[in-house]
């Protein structure tokens, strides 16, 4: 239980800091328009993912992790991860073809982030199906007792 509360508090602090940063990005990056193109869409999706996990920790605090609400949260988070992967892919394609940037470090990082969030999408989708089955078994077990 303590670890769950610590993680939830870390997520809340990170969420608040990210919101503040997202508000002040136009002032910080006033002359770097491409950074705004990357930061805003990806930042908003990452905030949505963080918010979904904060909601999920509520059920952990209540000692009831296998609920249909958590299945829905995991599916939403997997969809958001797929969107994040697509956004990184768009950033990669625009970096290479539109900006004609050939810095291999940027390209490698964007490829890594695209693959990473696609993997997270698959993992969360599988996890949501596992939670769905566990929730069904739990409900059937509760009815038999």
N, C-alpha and C. Protein backbone atom coordinates (compact mmCIF):
# COMPACT_ATOMS: atom_id res chain seq x y z
N UNK A 1 0.82 -1.20 0.00
CA UNK A 1 0.00 0.00 0.00
C UNK A 1 0.86 1.26 0.00
N UNK A 2 1.96 1.26 0.77
CA UNK A 2 2.79 2.44 0.81
C UNK A 2 3.39 2.75 -0.55
N UNK A 3 3.83 1.71 -1.26
CA UNK A 3 4.43 1.92 -2.57
C UNK A 3 3.42 2.52 -3.54
N UNK A 4 2.18 2.06 -3.48
CA UNK A 4 1.13 2.60 -4.34
C UNK A 4 0.88 4.07 -4.08
N UNK A 5 0.88 4.46 -2.81
CA UNK A 5 0.67 5.88 -2.47
C UNK A 5 1.86 6.72 -2.92
N UNK A 6 3.06 6.18 -2.75
CA UNK A 6 4.26 6.91 -3.17
C UNK A 6 4.24 7.11 -4.68
N UNK A 7 3.92 6.05 -5.42
CA UNK A 7 3.87 6.15 -6.88
C UNK A 7 2.78 7.11 -7.34
N UNK A 8 1.63 7.07 -6.68
CA UNK A 8 0.54 7.98 -7.04
C UNK A 8 0.96 9.43 -6.80
N UNK A 9 1.62 9.69 -5.67
CA UNK A 9 2.08 11.05 -5.38
C UNK A 9 3.14 11.51 -6.39
N UNK A 10 4.03 10.61 -6.78
CA UNK A 10 5.03 10.95 -7.80
C UNK A 10 4.34 11.29 -9.12
N UNK A 11 3.34 10.50 -9.50
CA UNK A 11 2.59 10.79 -10.73
C UNK A 11 1.86 12.13 -10.66
N UNK A 12 1.27 12.43 -9.51
CA UNK A 12 0.56 13.71 -9.35
C UNK A 12 1.53 14.88 -9.45
N UNK A 13 2.68 14.77 -8.79
CA UNK A 13 3.69 15.83 -8.85
C UNK A 13 4.19 16.00 -10.29
N UNK A 14 4.47 14.89 -10.96
CA UNK A 14 4.90 14.94 -12.35
C UNK A 14 3.83 15.54 -13.25
N UNK A 15 2.58 15.22 -13.00
CA UNK A 15 1.46 15.75 -13.78
C UNK A 15 1.37 17.26 -13.63
N UNK A 16 1.50 17.74 -12.39
CA UNK A 16 1.43 19.19 -12.14
C UNK A 16 2.60 19.91 -12.80
N UNK A 17 3.80 19.37 -12.66
CA UNK A 17 4.98 19.99 -13.28
C UNK A 17 4.84 20.00 -14.79
N UNK A 18 4.35 18.90 -15.37
CA UNK A 18 4.18 18.83 -16.83
C UNK A 18 3.13 19.83 -17.31
N UNK A 19 2.06 20.02 -16.54
CA UNK A 19 1.04 21.02 -16.91
C UNK A 19 1.65 22.42 -16.93
N UNK A 20 2.44 22.73 -15.91
CA UNK A 20 3.09 24.04 -15.84
C UNK A 20 4.04 24.22 -17.02
N UNK A 21 4.83 23.20 -17.32
CA UNK A 21 5.76 23.28 -18.45
C UNK A 21 5.02 23.46 -19.77
N UNK A 22 3.92 22.76 -19.92
CA UNK A 22 3.15 22.87 -21.17
C UNK A 22 2.56 24.27 -21.34
N UNK A 23 2.22 24.90 -20.23
CA UNK A 23 1.69 26.26 -20.30
C UNK A 23 2.79 27.25 -20.71
N UNK A 24 4.01 27.04 -20.18
CA UNK A 24 5.09 28.00 -20.42
C UNK A 24 5.95 27.68 -21.63
N UNK A 25 5.69 26.60 -22.33
CA UNK A 25 6.49 26.25 -23.52
C UNK A 25 6.48 27.35 -24.59
N UNK A 26 5.35 28.01 -24.85
CA UNK A 26 5.39 29.06 -25.88
C UNK A 26 6.37 30.19 -25.54
N UNK A 27 6.53 30.48 -24.26
CA UNK A 27 7.45 31.54 -23.86
C UNK A 27 8.90 31.07 -23.87
N UNK A 28 9.11 29.79 -23.51
CA UNK A 28 10.46 29.24 -23.47
C UNK A 28 10.99 29.00 -24.88
N UNK A 29 10.14 28.49 -25.75
CA UNK A 29 10.55 28.13 -27.11
C UNK A 29 9.94 29.06 -28.15
N UNK A 30 9.98 30.36 -27.88
CA UNK A 30 9.31 31.31 -28.76
C UNK A 30 9.87 31.34 -30.17
N UNK A 31 11.15 31.05 -30.33
CA UNK A 31 11.72 31.11 -31.68
C UNK A 31 12.05 29.74 -32.25
N UNK A 32 11.57 28.69 -31.64
CA UNK A 32 11.79 27.34 -32.16
C UNK A 32 10.43 26.73 -32.46
N UNK A 33 9.90 26.96 -33.63
CA UNK A 33 8.54 26.52 -33.97
C UNK A 33 8.43 25.00 -34.07
N UNK A 34 9.49 24.33 -34.55
CA UNK A 34 9.42 22.89 -34.69
C UNK A 34 9.30 22.21 -33.32
N UNK A 35 9.97 22.76 -32.32
CA UNK A 35 9.87 22.19 -30.98
C UNK A 35 8.44 22.29 -30.45
N UNK A 36 7.73 23.36 -30.83
CA UNK A 36 6.33 23.49 -30.44
C UNK A 36 5.48 22.41 -31.10
N UNK A 37 5.82 22.08 -32.34
CA UNK A 37 5.10 21.05 -33.08
C UNK A 37 5.27 19.69 -32.40
N UNK A 38 6.44 19.45 -31.83
CA UNK A 38 6.69 18.19 -31.13
C UNK A 38 6.13 18.23 -29.71
N UNK A 39 6.39 19.31 -29.00
CA UNK A 39 6.09 19.36 -27.57
C UNK A 39 4.60 19.33 -27.26
N UNK A 40 3.81 20.09 -27.96
CA UNK A 40 2.40 20.16 -27.58
C UNK A 40 1.62 18.87 -27.79
N UNK A 41 1.59 18.32 -28.99
CA UNK A 41 0.79 17.09 -29.14
C UNK A 41 1.31 15.95 -28.27
N UNK A 42 2.62 15.75 -28.25
CA UNK A 42 3.18 14.66 -27.44
C UNK A 42 2.99 14.94 -25.96
N UNK A 43 3.14 16.19 -25.55
CA UNK A 43 2.95 16.54 -24.15
C UNK A 43 1.53 16.33 -23.68
N UNK A 44 0.57 16.70 -24.51
CA UNK A 44 -0.84 16.52 -24.15
C UNK A 44 -1.18 15.03 -24.02
N UNK A 45 -0.69 14.22 -24.95
CA UNK A 45 -0.96 12.78 -24.89
C UNK A 45 -0.29 12.17 -23.65
N UNK A 46 0.94 12.60 -23.35
CA UNK A 46 1.61 12.08 -22.15
C UNK A 46 0.88 12.49 -20.88
N UNK A 47 0.33 13.70 -20.85
CA UNK A 47 -0.48 14.11 -19.70
C UNK A 47 -1.72 13.23 -19.56
N UNK A 48 -2.33 12.91 -20.67
CA UNK A 48 -3.52 12.05 -20.64
C UNK A 48 -3.16 10.65 -20.13
N UNK A 49 -2.01 10.13 -20.56
CA UNK A 49 -1.56 8.81 -20.07
C UNK A 49 -1.32 8.86 -18.58
N UNK A 50 -0.64 9.91 -18.12
CA UNK A 50 -0.36 10.05 -16.68
C UNK A 50 -1.65 10.15 -15.89
N UNK A 51 -2.61 10.91 -16.40
CA UNK A 51 -3.89 11.05 -15.71
C UNK A 51 -4.62 9.71 -15.61
N UNK A 52 -4.54 8.89 -16.66
CA UNK A 52 -5.18 7.57 -16.62
C UNK A 52 -4.56 6.70 -15.52
N UNK A 53 -3.24 6.76 -15.39
CA UNK A 53 -2.58 5.97 -14.34
C UNK A 53 -2.90 6.49 -12.95
N UNK A 54 -3.05 7.81 -12.80
CA UNK A 54 -3.45 8.36 -11.51
C UNK A 54 -4.83 7.83 -11.13
N UNK A 55 -5.75 7.79 -12.09
CA UNK A 55 -7.09 7.24 -11.82
C UNK A 55 -7.00 5.77 -11.42
N UNK A 56 -6.08 5.04 -12.03
CA UNK A 56 -5.98 3.62 -11.74
C UNK A 56 -5.47 3.37 -10.31
N UNK A 57 -4.62 4.24 -9.81
CA UNK A 57 -4.10 4.07 -8.45
C UNK A 57 -5.19 4.22 -7.39
N UNK A 58 -6.28 4.87 -7.73
CA UNK A 58 -7.40 5.00 -6.78
C UNK A 58 -7.95 3.63 -6.41
N UNK A 59 -8.10 2.75 -7.40
CA UNK A 59 -8.62 1.42 -7.11
C UNK A 59 -7.60 0.58 -6.33
N UNK A 60 -6.32 0.86 -6.53
CA UNK A 60 -5.31 0.15 -5.75
C UNK A 60 -5.36 0.56 -4.29
N UNK A 61 -5.65 1.83 -4.05
CA UNK A 61 -5.80 2.30 -2.67
C UNK A 61 -7.01 1.65 -2.01
N UNK A 62 -8.05 1.35 -2.79
CA UNK A 62 -9.26 0.73 -2.26
C UNK A 62 -9.15 -0.80 -2.19
N UNK A 63 -7.98 -1.34 -2.52
CA UNK A 63 -7.74 -2.80 -2.55
C UNK A 63 -8.72 -3.51 -3.49
N UNK A 64 -9.02 -2.90 -4.62
CA UNK A 64 -9.93 -3.48 -5.58
C UNK A 64 -9.42 -3.23 -7.01
N UNK A 65 -8.31 -3.90 -7.38
CA UNK A 65 -7.72 -3.59 -8.69
C UNK A 65 -8.46 -4.22 -9.87
N UNK A 66 -9.20 -5.30 -9.64
CA UNK A 66 -9.85 -6.00 -10.75
C UNK A 66 -11.28 -5.51 -10.91
N UNK A 67 -11.40 -4.37 -11.60
CA UNK A 67 -12.71 -3.79 -11.87
C UNK A 67 -12.81 -3.48 -13.36
N UNK A 68 -14.04 -3.32 -13.81
CA UNK A 68 -14.24 -2.99 -15.22
C UNK A 68 -13.70 -1.59 -15.53
N UNK A 69 -13.69 -0.72 -14.51
CA UNK A 69 -13.14 0.62 -14.70
C UNK A 69 -11.65 0.55 -15.03
N UNK A 70 -10.91 -0.33 -14.36
CA UNK A 70 -9.48 -0.47 -14.65
C UNK A 70 -9.23 -1.07 -16.03
N UNK A 71 -10.11 -1.96 -16.45
CA UNK A 71 -10.01 -2.50 -17.82
C UNK A 71 -10.17 -1.37 -18.82
N UNK A 72 -11.15 -0.52 -18.58
CA UNK A 72 -11.39 0.63 -19.46
C UNK A 72 -10.19 1.59 -19.44
N UNK A 73 -9.64 1.83 -18.26
CA UNK A 73 -8.47 2.72 -18.14
C UNK A 73 -7.29 2.14 -18.92
N UNK A 74 -7.06 0.84 -18.80
CA UNK A 74 -5.94 0.22 -19.52
C UNK A 74 -6.15 0.28 -21.04
N UNK A 75 -7.37 0.08 -21.49
CA UNK A 75 -7.65 0.18 -22.93
C UNK A 75 -7.45 1.61 -23.42
N UNK A 76 -7.93 2.59 -22.63
CA UNK A 76 -7.73 3.99 -23.00
C UNK A 76 -6.24 4.33 -23.05
N UNK A 77 -5.50 3.85 -22.08
CA UNK A 77 -4.06 4.13 -22.04
C UNK A 77 -3.34 3.46 -23.20
N UNK A 78 -3.78 2.26 -23.59
CA UNK A 78 -3.15 1.61 -24.74
C UNK A 78 -3.43 2.40 -26.01
N UNK A 79 -4.64 2.91 -26.15
CA UNK A 79 -4.97 3.74 -27.31
C UNK A 79 -4.14 5.01 -27.32
N UNK A 80 -3.98 5.63 -26.16
CA UNK A 80 -3.15 6.83 -26.07
C UNK A 80 -1.70 6.53 -26.41
N UNK A 81 -1.22 5.35 -26.03
CA UNK A 81 0.16 4.96 -26.37
C UNK A 81 0.32 4.77 -27.87
N UNK A 82 -0.70 4.23 -28.52
CA UNK A 82 -0.66 4.09 -29.98
C UNK A 82 -0.64 5.48 -30.63
N UNK A 83 -1.45 6.39 -30.13
CA UNK A 83 -1.45 7.76 -30.65
C UNK A 83 -0.07 8.40 -30.46
N UNK A 84 0.52 8.19 -29.31
CA UNK A 84 1.86 8.73 -29.03
C UNK A 84 2.89 8.15 -30.00
N UNK A 85 2.79 6.86 -30.27
CA UNK A 85 3.69 6.22 -31.22
C UNK A 85 3.54 6.83 -32.61
N UNK A 86 2.30 7.05 -33.02
CA UNK A 86 2.04 7.66 -34.33
C UNK A 86 2.58 9.10 -34.37
N UNK A 87 2.41 9.84 -33.28
CA UNK A 87 2.94 11.20 -33.23
C UNK A 87 4.46 11.22 -33.37
N UNK A 88 5.14 10.27 -32.68
CA UNK A 88 6.60 10.20 -32.81
C UNK A 88 7.00 9.81 -34.23
N UNK A 89 6.22 8.94 -34.86
CA UNK A 89 6.51 8.56 -36.25
C UNK A 89 6.34 9.76 -37.18
N UNK A 90 5.30 10.54 -36.95
CA UNK A 90 5.09 11.76 -37.75
C UNK A 90 6.26 12.73 -37.54
N UNK A 91 6.70 12.86 -36.29
CA UNK A 91 7.85 13.72 -36.01
C UNK A 91 9.10 13.22 -36.73
N UNK A 92 9.28 11.92 -36.75
CA UNK A 92 10.44 11.32 -37.43
C UNK A 92 10.39 11.60 -38.93
N UNK A 93 9.23 11.37 -39.53
CA UNK A 93 9.09 11.58 -40.97
C UNK A 93 9.28 13.06 -41.32
N UNK A 94 8.71 13.94 -40.50
CA UNK A 94 8.87 15.37 -40.79
C UNK A 94 10.32 15.82 -40.57
N UNK A 95 10.99 15.23 -39.61
CA UNK A 95 12.39 15.57 -39.37
C UNK A 95 13.25 15.20 -40.56
N UNK A 96 12.99 14.03 -41.13
CA UNK A 96 13.82 13.55 -42.23
C UNK A 96 13.44 14.22 -43.55
N UNK A 97 12.15 14.24 -43.87
CA UNK A 97 11.74 14.66 -45.21
C UNK A 97 11.40 16.15 -45.32
N UNK A 98 10.83 16.73 -44.27
CA UNK A 98 10.44 18.13 -44.36
C UNK A 98 11.60 19.05 -43.96
N UNK A 99 12.20 18.76 -42.80
CA UNK A 99 13.29 19.61 -42.33
C UNK A 99 14.65 19.21 -42.90
N UNK A 100 14.68 18.06 -43.55
CA UNK A 100 15.92 17.52 -44.14
C UNK A 100 17.05 17.46 -43.12
N UNK A 101 16.69 17.05 -41.91
CA UNK A 101 17.65 16.94 -40.82
C UNK A 101 18.30 15.56 -40.89
N UNK A 102 19.61 15.51 -40.90
CA UNK A 102 20.31 14.24 -41.00
C UNK A 102 21.11 13.91 -39.75
N UNK A 103 20.80 14.57 -38.64
CA UNK A 103 21.49 14.24 -37.39
C UNK A 103 21.02 12.86 -36.93
N UNK A 104 21.93 11.93 -36.96
CA UNK A 104 21.58 10.53 -36.67
C UNK A 104 21.10 10.36 -35.23
N UNK A 105 21.60 11.19 -34.30
CA UNK A 105 21.15 11.07 -32.91
C UNK A 105 19.66 11.34 -32.78
N UNK A 106 19.16 12.39 -33.43
CA UNK A 106 17.73 12.70 -33.39
C UNK A 106 16.92 11.58 -34.02
N UNK A 107 17.41 11.08 -35.13
CA UNK A 107 16.69 10.03 -35.85
C UNK A 107 16.60 8.76 -35.00
N UNK A 108 17.70 8.38 -34.37
CA UNK A 108 17.71 7.18 -33.53
C UNK A 108 16.75 7.34 -32.35
N UNK A 109 16.76 8.50 -31.72
CA UNK A 109 15.88 8.74 -30.57
C UNK A 109 14.41 8.65 -31.01
N UNK A 110 14.07 9.25 -32.14
CA UNK A 110 12.68 9.21 -32.59
C UNK A 110 12.25 7.80 -33.00
N UNK A 111 13.16 7.04 -33.61
CA UNK A 111 12.85 5.64 -33.93
C UNK A 111 12.61 4.86 -32.64
N UNK A 112 13.49 5.07 -31.66
CA UNK A 112 13.35 4.39 -30.37
C UNK A 112 12.02 4.72 -29.71
N UNK A 113 11.65 6.01 -29.68
CA UNK A 113 10.39 6.40 -29.04
C UNK A 113 9.17 5.84 -29.77
N UNK A 114 9.25 5.79 -31.10
CA UNK A 114 8.15 5.21 -31.88
C UNK A 114 7.96 3.74 -31.53
N UNK A 115 9.06 3.00 -31.51
CA UNK A 115 8.99 1.56 -31.20
C UNK A 115 8.60 1.34 -29.74
N UNK A 116 9.14 2.17 -28.85
CA UNK A 116 8.82 2.04 -27.42
C UNK A 116 7.33 2.20 -27.16
N UNK A 117 6.73 3.26 -27.68
CA UNK A 117 5.31 3.49 -27.42
C UNK A 117 4.42 2.49 -28.15
N UNK A 118 4.88 1.97 -29.28
CA UNK A 118 4.12 0.90 -29.92
C UNK A 118 4.15 -0.35 -29.05
N UNK A 119 5.31 -0.65 -28.46
CA UNK A 119 5.41 -1.78 -27.54
C UNK A 119 4.55 -1.59 -26.31
N UNK A 120 4.51 -0.37 -25.79
CA UNK A 120 3.66 -0.07 -24.63
C UNK A 120 2.19 -0.26 -25.01
N UNK A 121 1.83 0.15 -26.23
CA UNK A 121 0.46 -0.05 -26.72
C UNK A 121 0.09 -1.53 -26.67
N UNK A 122 0.96 -2.38 -27.22
CA UNK A 122 0.68 -3.82 -27.25
C UNK A 122 0.62 -4.39 -25.84
N UNK A 123 1.58 -4.01 -24.99
CA UNK A 123 1.62 -4.53 -23.62
C UNK A 123 0.37 -4.13 -22.84
N UNK A 124 -0.05 -2.88 -22.95
CA UNK A 124 -1.24 -2.44 -22.22
C UNK A 124 -2.52 -3.06 -22.76
N UNK A 125 -2.55 -3.31 -24.06
CA UNK A 125 -3.72 -3.99 -24.63
C UNK A 125 -3.82 -5.42 -24.10
N UNK A 126 -2.71 -6.11 -24.05
CA UNK A 126 -2.70 -7.47 -23.48
C UNK A 126 -3.06 -7.43 -22.00
N UNK A 127 -2.50 -6.46 -21.28
CA UNK A 127 -2.79 -6.33 -19.85
C UNK A 127 -4.27 -6.02 -19.61
N UNK A 128 -4.87 -5.23 -20.48
CA UNK A 128 -6.30 -4.93 -20.31
C UNK A 128 -7.14 -6.19 -20.51
N UNK A 129 -6.75 -7.05 -21.46
CA UNK A 129 -7.48 -8.31 -21.66
C UNK A 129 -7.30 -9.23 -20.45
N UNK A 130 -6.09 -9.26 -19.89
CA UNK A 130 -5.86 -10.07 -18.68
C UNK A 130 -6.71 -9.55 -17.52
N UNK A 131 -6.76 -8.24 -17.35
CA UNK A 131 -7.58 -7.65 -16.29
C UNK A 131 -9.06 -7.93 -16.53
N UNK A 132 -9.47 -7.95 -17.79
CA UNK A 132 -10.86 -8.23 -18.11
C UNK A 132 -11.23 -9.65 -17.70
N UNK A 133 -10.36 -10.61 -18.03
CA UNK A 133 -10.62 -12.00 -17.64
C UNK A 133 -10.55 -12.17 -16.13
N UNK A 134 -9.59 -11.51 -15.49
CA UNK A 134 -9.48 -11.62 -14.03
C UNK A 134 -10.71 -11.02 -13.36
N UNK A 135 -11.22 -9.94 -13.89
CA UNK A 135 -12.42 -9.31 -13.34
C UNK A 135 -13.62 -10.22 -13.50
N UNK A 136 -13.73 -10.87 -14.64
CA UNK A 136 -14.84 -11.81 -14.86
C UNK A 136 -14.75 -12.98 -13.89
N UNK A 137 -13.55 -13.54 -13.74
CA UNK A 137 -13.37 -14.65 -12.79
C UNK A 137 -13.67 -14.21 -11.37
N UNK A 138 -13.25 -13.01 -11.01
CA UNK A 138 -13.48 -12.50 -9.66
C UNK A 138 -14.98 -12.34 -9.41
N UNK A 139 -15.69 -11.80 -10.39
CA UNK A 139 -17.14 -11.62 -10.23
C UNK A 139 -17.86 -12.97 -10.13
N UNK A 140 -17.43 -13.95 -10.93
CA UNK A 140 -18.04 -15.27 -10.84
C UNK A 140 -17.73 -15.92 -9.49
N UNK A 141 -16.51 -15.73 -9.02
CA UNK A 141 -16.12 -16.27 -7.72
C UNK A 141 -16.90 -15.60 -6.59
N UNK A 142 -17.12 -14.30 -6.69
CA UNK A 142 -17.88 -13.59 -5.67
C UNK A 142 -19.33 -14.06 -5.64
N UNK A 143 -19.87 -14.42 -6.81
CA UNK A 143 -21.25 -14.89 -6.85
C UNK A 143 -21.40 -16.29 -6.27
N UNK A 144 -20.37 -17.12 -6.39
CA UNK A 144 -20.48 -18.49 -5.88
C UNK A 144 -20.29 -18.55 -4.36
N UNK A 145 -19.70 -17.54 -3.80
CA UNK A 145 -19.49 -17.53 -2.32
C UNK A 145 -20.65 -16.90 -1.68
